[in-house]
N, C-alpha and C. Protein backbone atom coordinates (compact mmCIF):
# COMPACT_ATOMS: atom_id res chain seq x y z
N MET A 1 33.95 44.84 -67.70
CA MET A 1 34.90 43.69 -67.66
C MET A 1 35.67 44.38 -65.81
N ILE A 2 36.12 43.45 -64.65
CA ILE A 2 36.31 44.09 -63.08
C ILE A 2 37.83 43.17 -63.54
N LEU A 3 38.41 44.36 -62.52
CA LEU A 3 40.31 43.63 -62.31
C LEU A 3 40.14 43.73 -60.42
N ALA A 4 40.16 42.49 -60.54
CA ALA A 4 40.21 42.67 -58.67
C ALA A 4 41.64 42.18 -58.72
N GLY A 5 42.21 42.19 -57.22
CA GLY A 5 43.61 41.66 -56.63
C GLY A 5 43.72 41.13 -55.36
N ASP A 6 44.26 40.65 -55.21
CA ASP A 6 44.37 40.58 -53.30
C ASP A 6 46.23 40.82 -53.88
N ILE A 7 46.92 41.53 -52.48
CA ILE A 7 48.24 42.75 -52.61
C ILE A 7 48.72 41.67 -51.36
N GLY A 8 49.41 41.23 -51.37
CA GLY A 8 49.99 40.84 -50.05
C GLY A 8 51.65 40.52 -50.03
N GLY A 9 51.59 40.41 -48.39
CA GLY A 9 53.66 40.19 -48.77
C GLY A 9 54.13 38.96 -49.03
N THR A 10 53.49 37.72 -49.52
CA THR A 10 54.55 36.46 -50.66
C THR A 10 54.18 36.21 -51.79
N HIS A 11 52.47 36.94 -52.02
CA HIS A 11 51.96 36.43 -53.68
C HIS A 11 50.92 38.60 -53.68
N THR A 12 51.26 38.89 -54.75
CA THR A 12 49.62 39.02 -55.43
C THR A 12 48.77 38.21 -56.48
N ARG A 13 47.65 38.11 -56.05
CA ARG A 13 46.62 38.25 -57.27
C ARG A 13 46.16 38.25 -58.03
N LEU A 14 46.07 38.67 -59.33
CA LEU A 14 45.21 39.48 -59.97
C LEU A 14 44.31 38.28 -60.65
N ALA A 15 42.73 39.03 -60.89
CA ALA A 15 42.00 38.22 -62.10
C ALA A 15 40.94 38.83 -62.38
N LEU A 16 40.19 38.65 -63.19
CA LEU A 16 39.15 39.51 -63.79
C LEU A 16 38.32 38.88 -64.05
N PHE A 17 36.91 39.51 -64.27
CA PHE A 17 35.59 39.29 -63.83
C PHE A 17 34.56 39.59 -64.62
N ASP A 18 34.17 39.56 -65.42
CA ASP A 18 32.57 40.16 -66.41
C ASP A 18 31.16 39.12 -65.87
N GLY A 19 31.10 38.73 -64.93
CA GLY A 19 30.28 38.34 -64.29
C GLY A 19 29.61 37.28 -62.94
N ASP A 20 30.33 36.76 -63.30
CA ASP A 20 30.24 34.69 -62.32
C ASP A 20 30.98 35.52 -61.27
N PRO A 21 31.29 35.66 -60.47
CA PRO A 21 32.83 35.62 -59.34
C PRO A 21 33.17 34.15 -59.31
N HIS A 22 32.76 33.57 -59.39
CA HIS A 22 33.50 32.07 -58.85
C HIS A 22 34.29 32.22 -60.38
N GLU A 23 34.20 32.72 -61.48
CA GLU A 23 34.85 32.49 -62.37
C GLU A 23 35.32 33.06 -63.71
N PRO A 24 36.29 33.16 -62.83
CA PRO A 24 37.60 34.48 -63.20
C PRO A 24 37.94 34.58 -64.74
N LEU A 25 38.12 34.69 -65.45
CA LEU A 25 38.26 34.84 -67.60
C LEU A 25 39.82 35.05 -66.97
N ALA A 26 40.66 35.53 -66.58
CA ALA A 26 41.72 35.18 -66.32
C ALA A 26 42.24 35.44 -64.69
N LEU A 27 43.18 34.80 -64.64
CA LEU A 27 44.03 34.69 -63.18
C LEU A 27 45.40 34.45 -62.97
N ALA A 28 46.18 35.54 -62.67
CA ALA A 28 47.36 34.95 -62.19
C ALA A 28 48.03 35.10 -61.34
N ILE A 29 49.48 34.40 -60.84
CA ILE A 29 49.80 35.15 -59.32
C ILE A 29 51.47 35.31 -59.26
N TYR A 30 51.59 35.96 -59.04
CA TYR A 30 53.18 37.44 -58.72
C TYR A 30 53.74 36.97 -57.46
N PRO A 31 55.29 36.28 -57.25
CA PRO A 31 55.78 36.55 -56.17
C PRO A 31 55.60 38.06 -55.67
N SER A 32 55.04 39.16 -54.86
CA SER A 32 55.75 40.16 -54.99
C SER A 32 56.64 40.69 -54.67
N ARG A 33 57.45 39.80 -53.93
CA ARG A 33 59.25 41.09 -53.48
C ARG A 33 59.89 40.40 -54.76
N LYS A 34 59.25 40.13 -55.74
CA LYS A 34 59.81 39.96 -57.05
C LYS A 34 59.50 41.48 -58.00
N HIS A 35 58.84 42.14 -57.65
CA HIS A 35 58.64 43.40 -58.29
C HIS A 35 59.08 44.77 -57.30
N ALA A 36 59.20 45.94 -58.31
CA ALA A 36 58.94 47.39 -57.22
C ALA A 36 57.85 47.44 -56.96
N GLY A 37 56.45 46.82 -57.07
CA GLY A 37 55.52 47.63 -56.99
C GLY A 37 54.61 46.91 -57.24
N VAL A 38 52.99 47.41 -57.55
CA VAL A 38 51.93 46.72 -57.09
C VAL A 38 51.53 47.26 -58.52
N GLY A 39 51.73 48.44 -59.01
CA GLY A 39 51.47 49.01 -60.35
C GLY A 39 52.20 48.28 -61.69
N GLU A 40 53.54 47.46 -61.41
CA GLU A 40 54.44 46.53 -62.26
C GLU A 40 54.45 45.08 -62.57
N ILE A 41 53.58 44.98 -60.89
CA ILE A 41 52.54 43.29 -61.29
C ILE A 41 51.20 43.84 -62.10
N VAL A 42 50.54 44.74 -62.26
CA VAL A 42 49.51 44.79 -62.85
C VAL A 42 49.31 45.66 -64.64
N ALA A 43 50.32 46.47 -64.35
CA ALA A 43 51.50 45.69 -66.01
C ALA A 43 51.51 44.81 -66.46
N ALA A 44 52.37 44.22 -65.76
CA ALA A 44 52.36 43.23 -66.78
C ALA A 44 51.40 41.82 -66.85
N PHE A 45 50.26 42.28 -65.70
CA PHE A 45 49.60 41.54 -65.95
C PHE A 45 48.40 41.67 -67.54
N LEU A 46 48.14 43.45 -66.90
CA LEU A 46 46.90 43.26 -68.19
C LEU A 46 47.75 43.57 -69.65
N ALA A 47 49.09 43.54 -69.53
CA ALA A 47 49.80 42.80 -71.24
C ALA A 47 49.85 41.39 -71.64
N GLU A 48 49.34 40.88 -70.56
CA GLU A 48 49.18 38.76 -71.01
C GLU A 48 47.61 38.99 -71.28
N HIS A 49 46.86 40.26 -70.25
CA HIS A 49 45.90 40.03 -70.34
C HIS A 49 44.38 41.22 -70.71
N PRO A 50 44.84 41.22 -71.78
CA PRO A 50 43.97 43.04 -72.29
C PRO A 50 42.83 43.02 -71.99
N ALA A 51 42.09 43.70 -71.98
CA ALA A 51 40.79 44.32 -71.22
C ALA A 51 40.57 45.74 -71.14
N ASP A 52 39.37 45.29 -72.18
CA ASP A 52 38.46 46.89 -71.55
C ASP A 52 38.15 47.19 -70.38
N LEU A 53 39.06 47.69 -68.52
CA LEU A 53 38.43 47.62 -67.87
C LEU A 53 36.87 48.65 -67.52
N GLU A 54 36.18 48.01 -66.54
CA GLU A 54 35.59 49.12 -65.64
C GLU A 54 35.27 49.83 -64.85
N GLY A 55 36.25 49.08 -63.89
CA GLY A 55 36.62 49.14 -62.65
C GLY A 55 37.65 48.04 -62.07
N ALA A 56 38.43 48.63 -61.45
CA ALA A 56 39.37 47.66 -60.56
C ALA A 56 39.38 48.29 -58.38
N CYS A 57 39.71 46.63 -58.37
CA CYS A 57 39.27 47.33 -56.96
C CYS A 57 40.67 46.22 -56.26
N PHE A 58 41.68 46.36 -55.40
CA PHE A 58 42.33 45.30 -54.16
C PHE A 58 42.20 45.57 -53.32
N ASP A 59 42.27 44.21 -52.52
CA ASP A 59 42.55 44.83 -51.25
C ASP A 59 44.16 44.01 -50.80
N VAL A 60 44.36 45.02 -49.99
CA VAL A 60 46.07 44.96 -49.65
C VAL A 60 46.08 45.26 -48.11
N ALA A 61 47.35 43.96 -48.49
CA ALA A 61 47.79 43.89 -46.03
C ALA A 61 47.79 44.95 -45.96
N GLY A 62 47.15 45.89 -44.83
CA GLY A 62 47.41 47.07 -44.34
C GLY A 62 46.66 47.82 -44.29
N PRO A 63 46.75 49.18 -43.35
CA PRO A 63 45.36 50.07 -42.90
C PRO A 63 45.92 51.01 -44.66
N VAL A 64 44.08 51.17 -44.76
CA VAL A 64 44.05 51.88 -46.08
C VAL A 64 43.40 53.32 -45.58
N SER A 65 43.87 54.49 -46.15
CA SER A 65 43.77 55.60 -45.82
C SER A 65 43.34 56.64 -46.34
N ASN A 66 42.98 57.40 -46.71
CA ASN A 66 42.43 58.34 -47.99
C ASN A 66 43.09 57.84 -49.34
N GLY A 67 42.97 56.87 -49.96
CA GLY A 67 42.66 55.66 -50.75
C GLY A 67 44.56 55.56 -51.22
N ARG A 68 45.16 55.37 -49.86
CA ARG A 68 46.92 54.79 -49.48
C ARG A 68 46.91 53.68 -48.92
N VAL A 69 47.69 52.96 -48.96
CA VAL A 69 48.36 52.29 -48.04
C VAL A 69 49.50 51.61 -48.24
N LYS A 70 50.43 51.76 -46.87
CA LYS A 70 51.77 51.43 -46.67
C LYS A 70 51.96 50.22 -46.42
N THR A 71 51.91 48.78 -47.16
CA THR A 71 52.16 47.90 -47.05
C THR A 71 52.91 47.27 -46.05
N THR A 72 51.80 46.58 -45.15
CA THR A 72 52.51 45.51 -43.45
C THR A 72 54.08 44.96 -43.70
N ASN A 73 54.52 44.28 -44.75
CA ASN A 73 55.18 43.04 -45.19
C ASN A 73 56.31 43.57 -46.43
N LEU A 74 55.80 44.30 -46.80
CA LEU A 74 55.98 44.65 -48.34
C LEU A 74 56.46 46.76 -48.38
N PRO A 75 57.52 46.88 -48.75
CA PRO A 75 58.53 48.52 -48.35
C PRO A 75 57.32 49.04 -49.88
N TRP A 76 56.72 48.98 -49.82
CA TRP A 76 55.27 49.53 -51.40
C TRP A 76 54.64 50.50 -50.18
N VAL A 77 54.50 51.36 -51.02
CA VAL A 77 53.18 52.11 -51.22
C VAL A 77 52.00 52.56 -52.03
N VAL A 78 50.76 51.49 -51.86
CA VAL A 78 50.18 51.54 -53.04
C VAL A 78 49.45 53.23 -53.04
N ASP A 79 49.17 54.15 -53.89
CA ASP A 79 48.27 55.47 -53.83
C ASP A 79 46.54 54.27 -55.64
N ALA A 80 45.69 54.82 -54.65
CA ALA A 80 44.50 54.63 -55.86
C ALA A 80 44.32 55.22 -57.11
N ARG A 81 45.02 56.70 -56.88
CA ARG A 81 44.83 57.79 -57.29
C ARG A 81 46.00 57.19 -58.72
N ARG A 82 47.07 56.94 -58.43
CA ARG A 82 48.45 56.46 -59.72
C ARG A 82 48.12 54.83 -59.66
N LEU A 83 47.14 54.30 -59.21
CA LEU A 83 47.27 53.08 -59.70
C LEU A 83 46.32 53.09 -60.96
N ALA A 84 45.05 54.08 -60.50
CA ALA A 84 44.10 54.03 -61.47
C ALA A 84 44.38 54.56 -62.73
N ASP A 85 45.74 55.66 -62.57
CA ASP A 85 46.06 57.19 -64.18
C ASP A 85 46.54 55.64 -64.52
N ARG A 86 47.59 54.65 -64.50
CA ARG A 86 48.09 53.11 -65.13
C ARG A 86 47.53 53.09 -65.82
N ILE A 87 46.15 52.35 -64.51
CA ILE A 87 44.98 51.64 -66.08
C ILE A 87 44.16 52.39 -66.80
N GLY A 88 44.58 53.31 -66.59
CA GLY A 88 43.20 54.89 -67.33
C GLY A 88 42.39 54.69 -67.02
N LEU A 89 41.68 54.33 -65.30
CA LEU A 89 40.50 54.04 -65.28
C LEU A 89 39.80 55.51 -64.32
N ARG A 90 39.30 55.92 -64.48
CA ARG A 90 38.93 56.89 -63.64
C ARG A 90 39.39 56.93 -61.60
N SER A 91 39.52 56.07 -61.36
CA SER A 91 38.99 55.91 -59.75
C SER A 91 39.35 54.33 -59.72
N VAL A 92 40.75 53.71 -58.70
CA VAL A 92 40.24 52.19 -58.00
C VAL A 92 39.90 52.47 -57.01
N GLU A 93 39.05 51.32 -56.52
CA GLU A 93 39.65 51.07 -54.60
C GLU A 93 39.82 50.36 -54.36
N LEU A 94 40.85 51.11 -53.12
CA LEU A 94 41.70 49.93 -52.60
C LEU A 94 40.99 49.50 -50.94
N ALA A 95 40.88 48.74 -50.81
CA ALA A 95 40.41 48.01 -49.39
C ALA A 95 41.33 46.81 -48.01
N ASN A 96 41.41 47.38 -47.25
CA ASN A 96 42.28 46.16 -46.01
C ASN A 96 41.88 44.81 -46.53
N ASP A 97 42.93 43.90 -46.45
CA ASP A 97 42.11 42.48 -46.60
C ASP A 97 41.66 41.54 -46.00
N LEU A 98 42.10 42.23 -44.73
CA LEU A 98 40.25 42.05 -43.49
C LEU A 98 39.39 42.39 -43.94
N ALA A 99 38.80 43.26 -44.18
CA ALA A 99 37.90 44.11 -44.34
C ALA A 99 37.01 43.03 -45.76
N ALA A 100 38.65 43.32 -46.54
CA ALA A 100 37.53 42.74 -47.22
C ALA A 100 36.70 40.96 -47.42
N THR A 101 37.93 40.72 -46.80
CA THR A 101 36.91 38.95 -46.78
C THR A 101 35.98 39.42 -45.98
N ALA A 102 35.86 39.80 -44.59
CA ALA A 102 34.53 40.32 -44.13
C ALA A 102 33.36 40.31 -45.06
N TYR A 103 33.61 41.86 -46.03
CA TYR A 103 32.90 41.60 -47.12
C TYR A 103 32.37 40.50 -47.42
N GLY A 104 33.28 39.71 -48.46
CA GLY A 104 32.61 38.64 -48.50
C GLY A 104 32.01 37.17 -48.89
N ILE A 105 32.24 37.49 -46.63
CA ILE A 105 31.38 36.29 -46.71
C ILE A 105 30.21 35.87 -46.81
N ALA A 106 29.34 37.79 -46.65
CA ALA A 106 27.20 38.40 -47.10
C ALA A 106 27.80 37.08 -48.95
N GLU A 107 28.42 36.78 -49.13
CA GLU A 107 28.41 36.45 -50.90
C GLU A 107 28.32 34.97 -51.56
N LEU A 108 28.71 34.53 -49.25
CA LEU A 108 29.00 32.70 -49.85
C LEU A 108 28.25 32.51 -49.76
N THR A 109 27.51 31.40 -50.73
CA THR A 109 26.70 30.38 -50.64
C THR A 109 26.68 28.59 -50.07
N THR A 110 25.47 27.88 -49.82
CA THR A 110 26.31 26.68 -48.84
C THR A 110 27.21 25.87 -49.76
N ALA A 111 27.25 26.18 -51.22
CA ALA A 111 28.24 25.60 -51.56
C ALA A 111 29.75 26.11 -51.38
N ASP A 112 29.72 26.77 -50.76
CA ASP A 112 31.11 27.70 -51.01
C ASP A 112 31.62 27.20 -49.75
N LEU A 113 30.86 26.44 -48.78
CA LEU A 113 30.97 26.35 -47.55
C LEU A 113 31.67 25.06 -47.30
N GLU A 114 33.10 24.75 -46.62
CA GLU A 114 33.20 22.87 -46.16
C GLU A 114 33.05 22.70 -44.77
N THR A 115 32.58 22.10 -44.67
CA THR A 115 32.91 21.45 -43.28
C THR A 115 33.87 21.18 -42.30
N LEU A 116 34.55 21.37 -41.47
CA LEU A 116 36.14 20.60 -41.09
C LEU A 116 35.62 19.47 -40.05
N ASN A 117 35.07 19.86 -38.91
CA ASN A 117 34.81 18.76 -38.59
C ASN A 117 32.94 18.59 -38.06
N SER A 118 32.56 17.69 -37.86
CA SER A 118 30.82 17.44 -38.38
C SER A 118 31.13 17.04 -36.50
N GLY A 119 29.71 17.08 -36.17
CA GLY A 119 28.88 16.41 -35.12
C GLY A 119 28.07 17.86 -34.02
N ASP A 120 27.79 17.23 -32.97
CA ASP A 120 27.36 18.34 -32.42
C ASP A 120 27.63 19.09 -31.11
N PRO A 121 28.13 19.74 -31.10
CA PRO A 121 28.86 21.50 -30.43
C PRO A 121 28.14 21.35 -29.61
N SER A 122 27.42 21.08 -28.50
CA SER A 122 27.15 20.64 -27.44
C SER A 122 27.62 20.02 -26.65
N ARG A 123 27.70 18.54 -27.60
CA ARG A 123 28.34 18.02 -26.50
C ARG A 123 30.44 17.70 -26.39
N SER A 124 30.57 18.86 -27.27
CA SER A 124 31.61 19.10 -27.00
C SER A 124 32.41 19.59 -25.61
N GLY A 125 31.11 19.23 -24.66
CA GLY A 125 31.94 20.11 -23.23
C GLY A 125 32.44 21.52 -23.86
N ALA A 126 32.79 22.19 -24.63
CA ALA A 126 33.10 23.59 -25.05
C ALA A 126 31.55 24.45 -24.69
N PRO A 127 31.67 25.77 -23.71
CA PRO A 127 30.57 26.33 -23.76
C PRO A 127 30.21 27.31 -25.18
N TRP A 128 29.06 27.00 -24.69
CA TRP A 128 27.99 27.19 -26.46
C TRP A 128 26.58 28.34 -25.38
N PRO A 129 27.00 29.84 -26.34
CA PRO A 129 25.61 30.49 -26.61
C PRO A 129 24.22 29.48 -26.62
């Protein structure tokens, strides 16, 4: 079982996965500013959704350096070691939220895509390579 999280200034989204990345076993959204830190949110989530975790990864709005992030929109420092200790894992991975989005693009299929504007880009008048 994998715990995945998106830690943002407005909301923190947590989900449990065991196989299909399109089908979380549990998903919850917490208002970030109503909590003292991500550890508090993760503890609340796991109390509601107990799981035998194999790993955990969180994307965070802020630069990741040496397993730590000072969030850009919250007064939090997210520390991978402390978070791992709190949830009983050997380690936890942290990733910058924009980098995590970029990594995820490679996993998309055509079923995941949505056309915003159909048409022929060569007829738009915009420069096209």
